[in-house]
Amino acid sequence: IFALAPTGPYKNRLVVDLYGSKMSAYSSDSNKTRKPRVQDRDIIVAID
């Protein structure tokens, strides 16, 4: 929870971010089970 000062079209704000319980994206456990390399695999393009 944090406050934001006025900017652009917004006045003062109180912001509440709630993160559901989930393994961290950087947890070392996520790589314990490694999949074998796939032949003819797709090139993955992350689009943000």
All heavy atoms as atom14 arrays in JSON, in Angstrom:
{
  "sequence": "IFALAPTGPYKNRLVVDLYGSKMSAYSSDSNKTRKPRVQDRDIIVAID",
  "atom14_mask": [
    [1, 1, 1, 1, 1, 1, 1, 1, 0, 0, 0, 0, 0, 0],
    [1, 1, 1, 1, 1, 1, 1, 1, 1, 1, 1, 0, 0, 0],
    [1, 1, 1, 1, 1, 0, 0, 0, 0, 0, 0, 0, 0, 0],
    [1, 1, 1, 1, 1, 1, 1, 1, 0, 0, 0, 0, 0, 0],
    [1, 1, 1, 1, 1, 0, 0, 0, 0, 0, 0, 0, 0, 0],
    [1, 1, 1, 1, 1, 1, 1, 0, 0, 0, 0, 0, 0, 0],
    [1, 1, 1, 1, 1, 1, 1, 0, 0, 0, 0, 0, 0, 0],
    [1, 1, 1, 1, 0, 0, 0, 0, 0, 0, 0, 0, 0, 0],
    [1, 1, 1, 1, 1, 1, 1, 0, 0, 0, 0, 0, 0, 0],
    [1, 1, 1, 1, 1, 1, 1, 1, 1, 1, 1, 1, 0, 0],
    [1, 1, 1, 1, 1, 1, 1, 1, 1, 0, 0, 0, 0, 0],
    [1, 1, 1, 1, 1, 1, 1, 1, 0, 0, 0, 0, 0, 0],
    [1, 1, 1, 1, 1, 1, 1, 1, 1, 1, 1, 0, 0, 0],
    [1, 1, 1, 1, 1, 1, 1, 1, 0, 0, 0, 0, 0, 0],
    [1, 1, 1, 1, 1, 1, 1, 0, 0, 0, 0, 0, 0, 0],
    [1, 1, 1, 1, 1, 1, 1, 0, 0, 0, 0, 0, 0, 0],
    [1, 1, 1, 1, 1, 1, 1, 1, 0, 0, 0, 0, 0, 0],
    [1, 1, 1, 1, 1, 1, 1, 1, 0, 0, 0, 0, 0, 0],
    [1, 1, 1, 1, 1, 1, 1, 1, 1, 1, 1, 1, 0, 0],
    [1, 1, 1, 1, 0, 0, 0, 0, 0, 0, 0, 0, 0, 0],
    [1, 1, 1, 1, 1, 1, 0, 0, 0, 0, 0, 0, 0, 0],
    [1, 1, 1, 1, 1, 1, 1, 1, 1, 0, 0, 0, 0, 0],
    [1, 1, 1, 1, 1, 1, 1, 1, 0, 0, 0, 0, 0, 0],
    [1, 1, 1, 1, 1, 1, 0, 0, 0, 0, 0, 0, 0, 0],
    [1, 1, 1, 1, 1, 0, 0, 0, 0, 0, 0, 0, 0, 0],
    [1, 1, 1, 1, 1, 1, 1, 1, 1, 1, 1, 1, 0, 0],
    [1, 1, 1, 1, 1, 1, 0, 0, 0, 0, 0, 0, 0, 0],
    [1, 1, 1, 1, 1, 1, 0, 0, 0, 0, 0, 0, 0, 0],
    [1, 1, 1, 1, 1, 1, 1, 1, 0, 0, 0, 0, 0, 0],
    [1, 1, 1, 1, 1, 1, 0, 0, 0, 0, 0, 0, 0, 0],
    [1, 1, 1, 1, 1, 1, 1, 1, 0, 0, 0, 0, 0, 0],
    [1, 1, 1, 1, 1, 1, 1, 1, 1, 0, 0, 0, 0, 0],
    [1, 1, 1, 1, 1, 1, 1, 0, 0, 0, 0, 0, 0, 0],
    [1, 1, 1, 1, 1, 1, 1, 1, 1, 1, 1, 0, 0, 0],
    [1, 1, 1, 1, 1, 1, 1, 1, 1, 0, 0, 0, 0, 0],
    [1, 1, 1, 1, 1, 1, 1, 0, 0, 0, 0, 0, 0, 0],
    [1, 1, 1, 1, 1, 1, 1, 1, 1, 1, 1, 0, 0, 0],
    [1, 1, 1, 1, 1, 1, 1, 0, 0, 0, 0, 0, 0, 0],
    [1, 1, 1, 1, 1, 1, 1, 1, 1, 0, 0, 0, 0, 0],
    [1, 1, 1, 1, 1, 1, 1, 1, 0, 0, 0, 0, 0, 0],
    [1, 1, 1, 1, 1, 1, 1, 1, 1, 1, 1, 0, 0, 0],
    [1, 1, 1, 1, 1, 1, 1, 1, 0, 0, 0, 0, 0, 0],
    [1, 1, 1, 1, 1, 1, 1, 1, 0, 0, 0, 0, 0, 0],
    [1, 1, 1, 1, 1, 1, 1, 1, 0, 0, 0, 0, 0, 0],
    [1, 1, 1, 1, 1, 1, 1, 0, 0, 0, 0, 0, 0, 0],
    [1, 1, 1, 1, 1, 0, 0, 0, 0, 0, 0, 0, 0, 0],
    [1, 1, 1, 1, 1, 1, 1, 1, 0, 0, 0, 0, 0, 0],
    [1, 1, 1, 1, 1, 1, 1, 1, 0, 0, 0, 0, 0, 0]
  ],
  "atom14_positions": [
    [[0.85, -1.19, 0.0], [0.0, 0.0, 0.0], [0.88, 1.25, 0.0], [1.85, 1.34, 0.77], [-0.94, 0.0, 1.23], [-1.77, -1.29, 1.23], [-1.85, 1.21, 1.22], [-2.7, -1.42, 2.41], [0.0, 0.0, 0.0], [0.0, 0.0, 0.0], [0.0, 0.0, 0.0], [0.0, 0.0, 0.0], [0.0, 0.0, 0.0], [0.0, 0.0, 0.0]],
    [[0.55, 2.2, -0.87], [1.33, 3.43, -0.94], [0.47, 4.56, -1.51], [-0.55, 4.32, -2.17], [2.57, 3.22, -1.82], [2.28, 2.69, -3.19], [2.14, 3.54, -4.27], [2.16, 1.31, -3.39], [1.87, 3.04, -5.54], [1.9, 0.81, -4.66], [1.75, 1.68, -5.74], [0.0, 0.0, 0.0], [0.0, 0.0, 0.0], [0.0, 0.0, 0.0]],
    [[0.88, 5.78, -1.21], [0.18, 6.97, -1.7], [0.88, 7.53, -2.93], [2.1, 7.44, -3.05], [0.13, 8.04, -0.61], [0.0, 0.0, 0.0], [0.0, 0.0, 0.0], [0.0, 0.0, 0.0], [0.0, 0.0, 0.0], [0.0, 0.0, 0.0], [0.0, 0.0, 0.0], [0.0, 0.0, 0.0], [0.0, 0.0, 0.0], [0.0, 0.0, 0.0]],
    [[0.1, 8.08, -3.85], [0.64, 8.71, -5.05], [0.18, 10.17, -5.09], [-1.0, 10.46, -4.85], [0.17, 7.98, -6.31], [0.78, 6.61, -6.59], [0.15, 6.0, -7.83], [2.3, 6.72, -6.78], [0.0, 0.0, 0.0], [0.0, 0.0, 0.0], [0.0, 0.0, 0.0], [0.0, 0.0, 0.0], [0.0, 0.0, 0.0], [0.0, 0.0, 0.0]],
    [[1.11, 11.06, -5.41], [0.8, 12.48, -5.51], [0.05, 12.76, -6.8], [0.07, 11.96, -7.74], [2.1, 13.29, -5.45], [0.0, 0.0, 0.0], [0.0, 0.0, 0.0], [0.0, 0.0, 0.0], [0.0, 0.0, 0.0], [0.0, 0.0, 0.0], [0.0, 0.0, 0.0], [0.0, 0.0, 0.0], [0.0, 0.0, 0.0], [0.0, 0.0, 0.0]],
    [[-0.63, 13.89, -6.89], [-1.35, 14.25, -8.12], [-0.42, 14.28, -9.33], [0.71, 14.75, -9.25], [-1.91, 15.64, -7.82], [-1.99, 15.7, -6.33], [-0.82, 14.9, -5.84], [0.0, 0.0, 0.0], [0.0, 0.0, 0.0], [0.0, 0.0, 0.0], [0.0, 0.0, 0.0], [0.0, 0.0, 0.0], [0.0, 0.0, 0.0], [0.0, 0.0, 0.0]],
    [[-0.91, 13.75, -10.45], [-0.17, 13.79, -11.7], [-1.14, 13.63, -12.85], [-2.07, 12.82, -12.77], [0.91, 12.68, -11.76], [1.61, 12.76, -13.02], [0.32, 11.31, -11.63], [0.0, 0.0, 0.0], [0.0, 0.0, 0.0], [0.0, 0.0, 0.0], [0.0, 0.0, 0.0], [0.0, 0.0, 0.0], [0.0, 0.0, 0.0], [0.0, 0.0, 0.0]],
    [[-0.93, 14.39, -13.93], [-1.78, 14.29, -15.1], [-3.24, 14.46, -14.74], [-3.62, 15.42, -14.05], [0.0, 0.0, 0.0], [0.0, 0.0, 0.0], [0.0, 0.0, 0.0], [0.0, 0.0, 0.0], [0.0, 0.0, 0.0], [0.0, 0.0, 0.0], [0.0, 0.0, 0.0], [0.0, 0.0, 0.0], [0.0, 0.0, 0.0], [0.0, 0.0, 0.0]],
    [[-4.1, 13.52, -15.15], [-5.53, 13.65, -14.87], [-5.93, 13.22, -13.47], [-7.08, 13.35, -13.08], [-6.17, 12.71, -15.91], [-5.14, 11.65, -16.1], [-3.8, 12.33, -15.97], [0.0, 0.0, 0.0], [0.0, 0.0, 0.0], [0.0, 0.0, 0.0], [0.0, 0.0, 0.0], [0.0, 0.0, 0.0], [0.0, 0.0, 0.0], [0.0, 0.0, 0.0]],
    [[-4.97, 12.71, -12.67], [-5.3, 12.15, -11.37], [-4.96, 13.12, -10.23], [-4.0, 13.87, -10.29], [-4.54, 10.84, -11.14], [-4.88, 9.76, -12.14], [-3.94, 9.32, -13.06], [-6.15, 9.19, -12.16], [-4.26, 8.32, -13.99], [-6.47, 8.2, -13.08], [-5.52, 7.78, -13.98], [-5.83, 6.8, -14.89], [0.0, 0.0, 0.0], [0.0, 0.0, 0.0]],
    [[-5.78, 13.02, -9.16], [-5.51, 13.76, -7.92], [-4.68, 12.85, -7.01], [-4.01, 11.94, -7.46], [-6.83, 14.17, -7.27], [-7.68, 15.14, -8.09], [-8.93, 15.52, -7.34], [-9.8, 16.49, -8.13], [-11.04, 16.87, -7.39], [0.0, 0.0, 0.0], [0.0, 0.0, 0.0], [0.0, 0.0, 0.0], [0.0, 0.0, 0.0], [0.0, 0.0, 0.0]],
    [[-4.75, 13.1, -5.71], [-4.08, 12.22, -4.75], [-4.74, 10.84, -4.81], [-5.95, 10.73, -4.99], [-4.19, 12.78, -3.33], [-3.21, 13.9, -3.09], [-2.03, 13.66, -2.86], [-3.7, 15.14, -3.15], [0.0, 0.0, 0.0], [0.0, 0.0, 0.0], [0.0, 0.0, 0.0], [0.0, 0.0, 0.0], [0.0, 0.0, 0.0], [0.0, 0.0, 0.0]],
    [[-3.91, 9.8, -4.62], [-4.43, 8.43, -4.66], [-3.8, 7.58, -3.56], [-2.65, 7.79, -3.2], [-4.11, 7.78, -6.01], [-4.9, 8.28, -7.19], [-4.14, 8.13, -8.47], [-3.01, 9.05, -8.53], [-1.98, 8.93, -9.36], [-1.9, 7.91, -10.18], [-1.01, 9.82, -9.35], [0.0, 0.0, 0.0], [0.0, 0.0, 0.0], [0.0, 0.0, 0.0]],
    [[-4.59, 6.65, -3.07], [-4.09, 5.6, -2.19], [-4.18, 4.31, -2.99], [-5.27, 3.89, -3.4], [-4.9, 5.51, -0.9], [-4.44, 4.42, 0.09], [-3.03, 4.71, 0.58], [-5.4, 4.31, 1.26], [0.0, 0.0, 0.0], [0.0, 0.0, 0.0], [0.0, 0.0, 0.0], [0.0, 0.0, 0.0], [0.0, 0.0, 0.0], [0.0, 0.0, 0.0]],
    [[-3.05, 3.67, -3.21], [-2.99, 2.49, -4.08], [-2.77, 1.24, -3.23], [-1.88, 1.21, -2.37], [-1.86, 2.62, -5.13], [-1.79, 1.38, -6.01], [-2.07, 3.87, -5.98], [0.0, 0.0, 0.0], [0.0, 0.0, 0.0], [0.0, 0.0, 0.0], [0.0, 0.0, 0.0], [0.0, 0.0, 0.0], [0.0, 0.0, 0.0], [0.0, 0.0, 0.0]],
    [[-3.57, 0.21, -3.48], [-3.45, -1.07, -2.78], [-3.16, -2.14, -3.82], [-4.01, -2.43, -4.68], [-4.74, -1.41, -2.02], [-4.59, -2.75, -1.3], [-5.09, -0.31, -1.03], [0.0, 0.0, 0.0], [0.0, 0.0, 0.0], [0.0, 0.0, 0.0], [0.0, 0.0, 0.0], [0.0, 0.0, 0.0], [0.0, 0.0, 0.0], [0.0, 0.0, 0.0]],
    [[-1.97, -2.71, -3.77], [-1.61, -3.84, -4.64], [-1.69, -5.12, -3.83], [-1.07, -5.23, -2.76], [-0.19, -3.67, -5.2], [-0.15, -2.71, -6.38], [-1.2, -2.52, -7.03], [0.92, -2.14, -6.65], [0.0, 0.0, 0.0], [0.0, 0.0, 0.0], [0.0, 0.0, 0.0], [0.0, 0.0, 0.0], [0.0, 0.0, 0.0], [0.0, 0.0, 0.0]],
    [[-2.43, -6.09, -4.34], [-2.58, -7.38, -3.65], [-2.04, -8.47, -4.57], [-2.56, -8.69, -5.67], [-4.05, -7.63, -3.34], [-4.64, -6.74, -2.24], [-6.15, -6.72, -2.33], [-4.2, -7.22, -0.87], [0.0, 0.0, 0.0], [0.0, 0.0, 0.0], [0.0, 0.0, 0.0], [0.0, 0.0, 0.0], [0.0, 0.0, 0.0], [0.0, 0.0, 0.0]],
    [[-1.0, -9.14, -4.1], [-0.36, -10.19, -4.88], [-0.76, -11.54, -4.31], [-0.44, -11.86, -3.15], [1.17, -10.03, -4.86], [1.62, -8.73, -5.48], [1.87, -7.61, -4.69], [1.77, -8.62, -6.85], [2.26, -6.41, -5.26], [2.17, -7.43, -7.44], [2.42, -6.33, -6.63], [2.8, -5.14, -7.2], [0.0, 0.0, 0.0], [0.0, 0.0, 0.0]],
    [[-1.45, -12.34, -5.12], [-1.88, -13.66, -4.68], [-0.7, -14.55, -4.38], [0.35, -14.46, -5.02], [0.0, 0.0, 0.0], [0.0, 0.0, 0.0], [0.0, 0.0, 0.0], [0.0, 0.0, 0.0], [0.0, 0.0, 0.0], [0.0, 0.0, 0.0], [0.0, 0.0, 0.0], [0.0, 0.0, 0.0], [0.0, 0.0, 0.0], [0.0, 0.0, 0.0]],
    [[-0.84, -15.41, -3.4], [0.26, -16.3, -3.01], [0.62, -17.2, -4.17], [-0.18, -17.96, -4.67], [-0.15, -17.14, -1.8], [-1.34, -17.84, -2.09], [0.0, 0.0, 0.0], [0.0, 0.0, 0.0], [0.0, 0.0, 0.0], [0.0, 0.0, 0.0], [0.0, 0.0, 0.0], [0.0, 0.0, 0.0], [0.0, 0.0, 0.0], [0.0, 0.0, 0.0]],
    [[1.86, -17.09, -4.59], [2.37, -17.87, -5.72], [3.87, -17.89, -5.61], [4.49, -16.97, -5.11], [1.94, -17.21, -7.04], [2.32, -18.02, -8.28], [1.91, -17.26, -9.54], [2.37, -17.98, -10.78], [2.08, -17.25, -12.01], [0.0, 0.0, 0.0], [0.0, 0.0, 0.0], [0.0, 0.0, 0.0], [0.0, 0.0, 0.0], [0.0, 0.0, 0.0]],
    [[4.49, -18.93, -6.13], [5.94, -19.02, -6.1], [6.56, -17.85, -6.83], [6.09, -17.45, -7.89], [6.41, -20.31, -6.75], [7.92, -20.54, -6.63], [8.41, -22.09, -7.41], [7.64, -23.24, -6.3], [0.0, 0.0, 0.0], [0.0, 0.0, 0.0], [0.0, 0.0, 0.0], [0.0, 0.0, 0.0], [0.0, 0.0, 0.0], [0.0, 0.0, 0.0]],
    [[7.58, -17.27, -6.26], [8.24, -16.14, -6.9], [8.76, -16.51, -8.27], [9.21, -17.62, -8.51], [9.41, -15.66, -6.02], [10.25, -14.78, -6.73], [0.0, 0.0, 0.0], [0.0, 0.0, 0.0], [0.0, 0.0, 0.0], [0.0, 0.0, 0.0], [0.0, 0.0, 0.0], [0.0, 0.0, 0.0], [0.0, 0.0, 0.0], [0.0, 0.0, 0.0]],
    [[8.73, -15.52, -9.15], [9.23, -15.75, -10.52], [10.72, -16.04, -10.51], [11.26, -16.57, -11.48], [8.93, -14.53, -11.37], [0.0, 0.0, 0.0], [0.0, 0.0, 0.0], [0.0, 0.0, 0.0], [0.0, 0.0, 0.0], [0.0, 0.0, 0.0], [0.0, 0.0, 0.0], [0.0, 0.0, 0.0], [0.0, 0.0, 0.0], [0.0, 0.0, 0.0]],
    [[11.4, -15.68, -9.41], [12.84, -15.89, -9.36], [13.22, -17.06, -8.46], [14.39, -17.29, -8.16], [13.54, -14.63, -8.85], [13.41, -13.46, -9.78], [12.85, -12.27, -9.35], [13.85, -13.55, -11.1], [12.73, -11.19, -10.19], [13.71, -12.46, -11.95], [13.18, -11.28, -11.49], [13.05, -10.22, -12.34], [0.0, 0.0, 0.0], [0.0, 0.0, 0.0]],
    [[12.22, -17.82, -8.0], [12.52, -18.93, -7.1], [13.36, -19.98, -7.8], [13.09, -20.38, -8.92], [11.21, -19.54, -6.59], [11.47, -20.73, -5.91], [0.0, 0.0, 0.0], [0.0, 0.0, 0.0], [0.0, 0.0, 0.0], [0.0, 0.0, 0.0], [0.0, 0.0, 0.0], [0.0, 0.0, 0.0], [0.0, 0.0, 0.0], [0.0, 0.0, 0.0]],
    [[14.36, -20.46, -7.08], [15.22, -21.47, -7.68], [14.49, -22.79, -7.85], [14.9, -23.64, -8.62], [16.45, -21.68, -6.78], [16.04, -22.04, -5.48], [0.0, 0.0, 0.0], [0.0, 0.0, 0.0], [0.0, 0.0, 0.0], [0.0, 0.0, 0.0], [0.0, 0.0, 0.0], [0.0, 0.0, 0.0], [0.0, 0.0, 0.0], [0.0, 0.0, 0.0]],
    [[13.35, -22.98, -7.13], [12.61, -24.23, -7.25], [12.01, -24.41, -8.63], [11.74, -25.53, -9.05], [11.47, -24.26, -6.22], [12.0, -24.38, -4.81], [13.15, -24.83, -4.66], [11.27, -24.02, -3.87], [0.0, 0.0, 0.0], [0.0, 0.0, 0.0], [0.0, 0.0, 0.0], [0.0, 0.0, 0.0], [0.0, 0.0, 0.0], [0.0, 0.0, 0.0]],
    [[11.77, -23.31, -9.36], [11.09, -23.4, -10.64], [11.93, -24.1, -11.69], [11.43, -24.47, -12.74], [10.72, -22.0, -11.14], [11.9, -21.23, -11.32], [0.0, 0.0, 0.0], [0.0, 0.0, 0.0], [0.0, 0.0, 0.0], [0.0, 0.0, 0.0], [0.0, 0.0, 0.0], [0.0, 0.0, 0.0], [0.0, 0.0, 0.0], [0.0, 0.0, 0.0]],
    [[13.21, -24.28, -11.42], [14.07, -24.92, -12.4], [14.53, -26.31, -11.97], [15.41, -26.89, -12.6], [15.31, -24.05, -12.68], [15.07, -23.1, -13.84], [14.15, -23.29, -14.63], [15.9, -22.08, -13.94], [0.0, 0.0, 0.0], [0.0, 0.0, 0.0], [0.0, 0.0, 0.0], [0.0, 0.0, 0.0], [0.0, 0.0, 0.0], [0.0, 0.0, 0.0]],
    [[13.96, -26.84, -10.9], [14.44, -28.13, -10.4], [14.12, -29.25, -11.39], [14.9, -30.17, -11.57], [13.81, -28.41, -9.03], [14.5, -27.63, -7.91], [13.94, -27.99, -6.57], [14.67, -27.24, -5.46], [14.1, -27.53, -4.13], [0.0, 0.0, 0.0], [0.0, 0.0, 0.0], [0.0, 0.0, 0.0], [0.0, 0.0, 0.0], [0.0, 0.0, 0.0]],
    [[12.93, -29.16, -12.01], [12.56, -30.16, -12.99], [12.77, -29.57, -14.38], [12.01, -28.72, -14.82], [11.08, -30.57, -12.83], [10.88, -31.01, -11.49], [10.72, -31.66, -13.8], [0.0, 0.0, 0.0], [0.0, 0.0, 0.0], [0.0, 0.0, 0.0], [0.0, 0.0, 0.0], [0.0, 0.0, 0.0], [0.0, 0.0, 0.0], [0.0, 0.0, 0.0]],
    [[13.81, -30.01, -15.05], [14.15, -29.44, -16.35], [13.65, -30.37, -17.46], [13.85, -31.57, -17.42], [15.66, -29.23, -16.48], [16.19, -28.27, -15.44], [17.65, -27.92, -15.72], [18.13, -26.99, -14.74], [17.94, -25.68, -14.8], [17.28, -25.18, -15.82], [18.42, -24.88, -13.88], [0.0, 0.0, 0.0], [0.0, 0.0, 0.0], [0.0, 0.0, 0.0]],
    [[13.0, -29.75, -18.42], [12.51, -30.52, -19.56], [13.63, -30.73, -20.57], [14.47, -29.87, -20.75], [11.33, -29.79, -20.2], [10.11, -29.67, -19.29], [8.99, -28.96, -20.01], [7.77, -28.83, -19.1], [6.66, -28.13, -19.78], [0.0, 0.0, 0.0], [0.0, 0.0, 0.0], [0.0, 0.0, 0.0], [0.0, 0.0, 0.0], [0.0, 0.0, 0.0]],
    [[13.63, -31.85, -21.25], [14.65, -32.06, -22.27], [14.47, -31.08, -23.42], [13.36, -30.58, -23.66], [14.39, -33.5, -22.73], [12.96, -33.77, -22.36], [12.7, -32.97, -21.12], [0.0, 0.0, 0.0], [0.0, 0.0, 0.0], [0.0, 0.0, 0.0], [0.0, 0.0, 0.0], [0.0, 0.0, 0.0], [0.0, 0.0, 0.0], [0.0, 0.0, 0.0]],
    [[15.54, -30.78, -24.12], [15.47, -29.87, -25.25], [14.62, -30.48, -26.35], [14.75, -31.63, -26.71], [16.88, -29.57, -25.77], [17.77, -28.92, -24.71], [19.15, -28.64, -25.26], [19.13, -27.5, -26.15], [20.2, -27.06, -26.8], [21.35, -27.68, -26.67], [20.12, -26.03, -27.6], [0.0, 0.0, 0.0], [0.0, 0.0, 0.0], [0.0, 0.0, 0.0]],
    [[13.72, -29.68, -26.89], [12.78, -30.16, -27.89], [13.35, -29.87, -29.28], [13.75, -28.76, -29.59], [11.41, -29.47, -27.72], [10.44, -29.94, -28.79], [10.87, -29.74, -26.33], [0.0, 0.0, 0.0], [0.0, 0.0, 0.0], [0.0, 0.0, 0.0], [0.0, 0.0, 0.0], [0.0, 0.0, 0.0], [0.0, 0.0, 0.0], [0.0, 0.0, 0.0]],
    [[13.36, -30.89, -30.12], [13.8, -30.72, -31.5], [12.71, -30.0, -32.28], [11.52, -30.2, -32.05], [14.09, -32.08, -32.13], [14.82, -32.01, -33.47], [16.26, -31.58, -33.31], [16.87, -31.83, -32.28], [16.79, -30.92, -34.32], [0.0, 0.0, 0.0], [0.0, 0.0, 0.0], [0.0, 0.0, 0.0], [0.0, 0.0, 0.0], [0.0, 0.0, 0.0]],
    [[13.11, -29.14, -33.21], [12.18, -28.36, -34.03], [11.25, -27.51, -33.17], [10.06, -27.34, -33.47], [11.35, -29.28, -34.93], [12.2, -29.97, -36.0], [13.37, -29.59, -36.13], [11.68, -30.86, -36.67], [0.0, 0.0, 0.0], [0.0, 0.0, 0.0], [0.0, 0.0, 0.0], [0.0, 0.0, 0.0], [0.0, 0.0, 0.0], [0.0, 0.0, 0.0]],
    [[11.78, -26.99, -32.1], [10.96, -26.19, -31.19], [10.61, -24.84, -31.81], [11.24, -24.38, -32.77], [11.72, -25.96, -29.87], [12.92, -25.02, -29.98], [13.52, -24.72, -28.63], [14.62, -23.78, -28.7], [14.48, -22.46, -28.7], [13.27, -21.92, -28.68], [15.54, -21.67, -28.74], [0.0, 0.0, 0.0], [0.0, 0.0, 0.0], [0.0, 0.0, 0.0]],
    [[9.59, -24.2, -31.22], [9.2, -22.86, -31.66], [10.11, -21.8, -31.05], [10.62, -21.97, -29.93], [7.77, -22.55, -31.22], [6.74, -23.4, -31.96], [7.04, -23.79, -33.1], [5.66, -23.65, -31.4], [0.0, 0.0, 0.0], [0.0, 0.0, 0.0], [0.0, 0.0, 0.0], [0.0, 0.0, 0.0], [0.0, 0.0, 0.0], [0.0, 0.0, 0.0]],
    [[10.32, -20.73, -31.77], [10.99, -19.55, -31.22], [9.93, -18.74, -30.47], [8.91, -18.35, -31.04], [11.62, -18.7, -32.34], [12.72, -19.49, -33.05], [12.17, -17.38, -31.8], [13.22, -18.85, -34.32], [0.0, 0.0, 0.0], [0.0, 0.0, 0.0], [0.0, 0.0, 0.0], [0.0, 0.0, 0.0], [0.0, 0.0, 0.0], [0.0, 0.0, 0.0]],
    [[10.15, -18.52, -29.19], [9.16, -17.84, -28.35], [9.44, -16.33, -28.35], [10.53, -15.9, -27.98], [9.19, -18.36, -26.9], [9.06, -19.89, -26.88], [8.09, -17.71, -26.07], [7.79, -20.41, -27.45], [0.0, 0.0, 0.0], [0.0, 0.0, 0.0], [0.0, 0.0, 0.0], [0.0, 0.0, 0.0], [0.0, 0.0, 0.0], [0.0, 0.0, 0.0]],
    [[8.44, -15.56, -28.75], [8.54, -14.1, -28.76], [7.6, -13.56, -27.68], [6.37, -13.7, -27.78], [8.18, -13.5, -30.13], [8.31, -11.98, -30.1], [9.07, -14.1, -31.23], [0.0, 0.0, 0.0], [0.0, 0.0, 0.0], [0.0, 0.0, 0.0], [0.0, 0.0, 0.0], [0.0, 0.0, 0.0], [0.0, 0.0, 0.0], [0.0, 0.0, 0.0]],
    [[8.16, -12.97, -26.63], [7.36, -12.34, -25.58], [7.01, -10.92, -26.03], [7.9, -10.14, -26.38], [8.14, -12.3, -24.28], [0.0, 0.0, 0.0], [0.0, 0.0, 0.0], [0.0, 0.0, 0.0], [0.0, 0.0, 0.0], [0.0, 0.0, 0.0], [0.0, 0.0, 0.0], [0.0, 0.0, 0.0], [0.0, 0.0, 0.0], [0.0, 0.0, 0.0]],
    [[5.72, -10.6, -26.03], [5.24, -9.3, -26.51], [4.61, -8.56, -25.35], [3.62, -9.01, -24.77], [4.24, -9.48, -27.66], [4.87, -10.3, -28.79], [3.78, -8.12, -28.19], [3.89, -10.73, -29.85], [0.0, 0.0, 0.0], [0.0, 0.0, 0.0], [0.0, 0.0, 0.0], [0.0, 0.0, 0.0], [0.0, 0.0, 0.0], [0.0, 0.0, 0.0]],
    [[5.19, -7.43, -25.01], [4.77, -6.66, -23.84], [4.05, -5.39, -24.28], [4.65, -4.53, -24.93], [6.0, -6.31, -22.99], [5.67, -5.33, -21.89], [4.67, -5.55, -21.19], [6.41, -4.34, -21.74], [0.0, 0.0, 0.0], [0.0, 0.0, 0.0], [0.0, 0.0, 0.0], [0.0, 0.0, 0.0], [0.0, 0.0, 0.0], [0.0, 0.0, 0.0]]
  ]
}
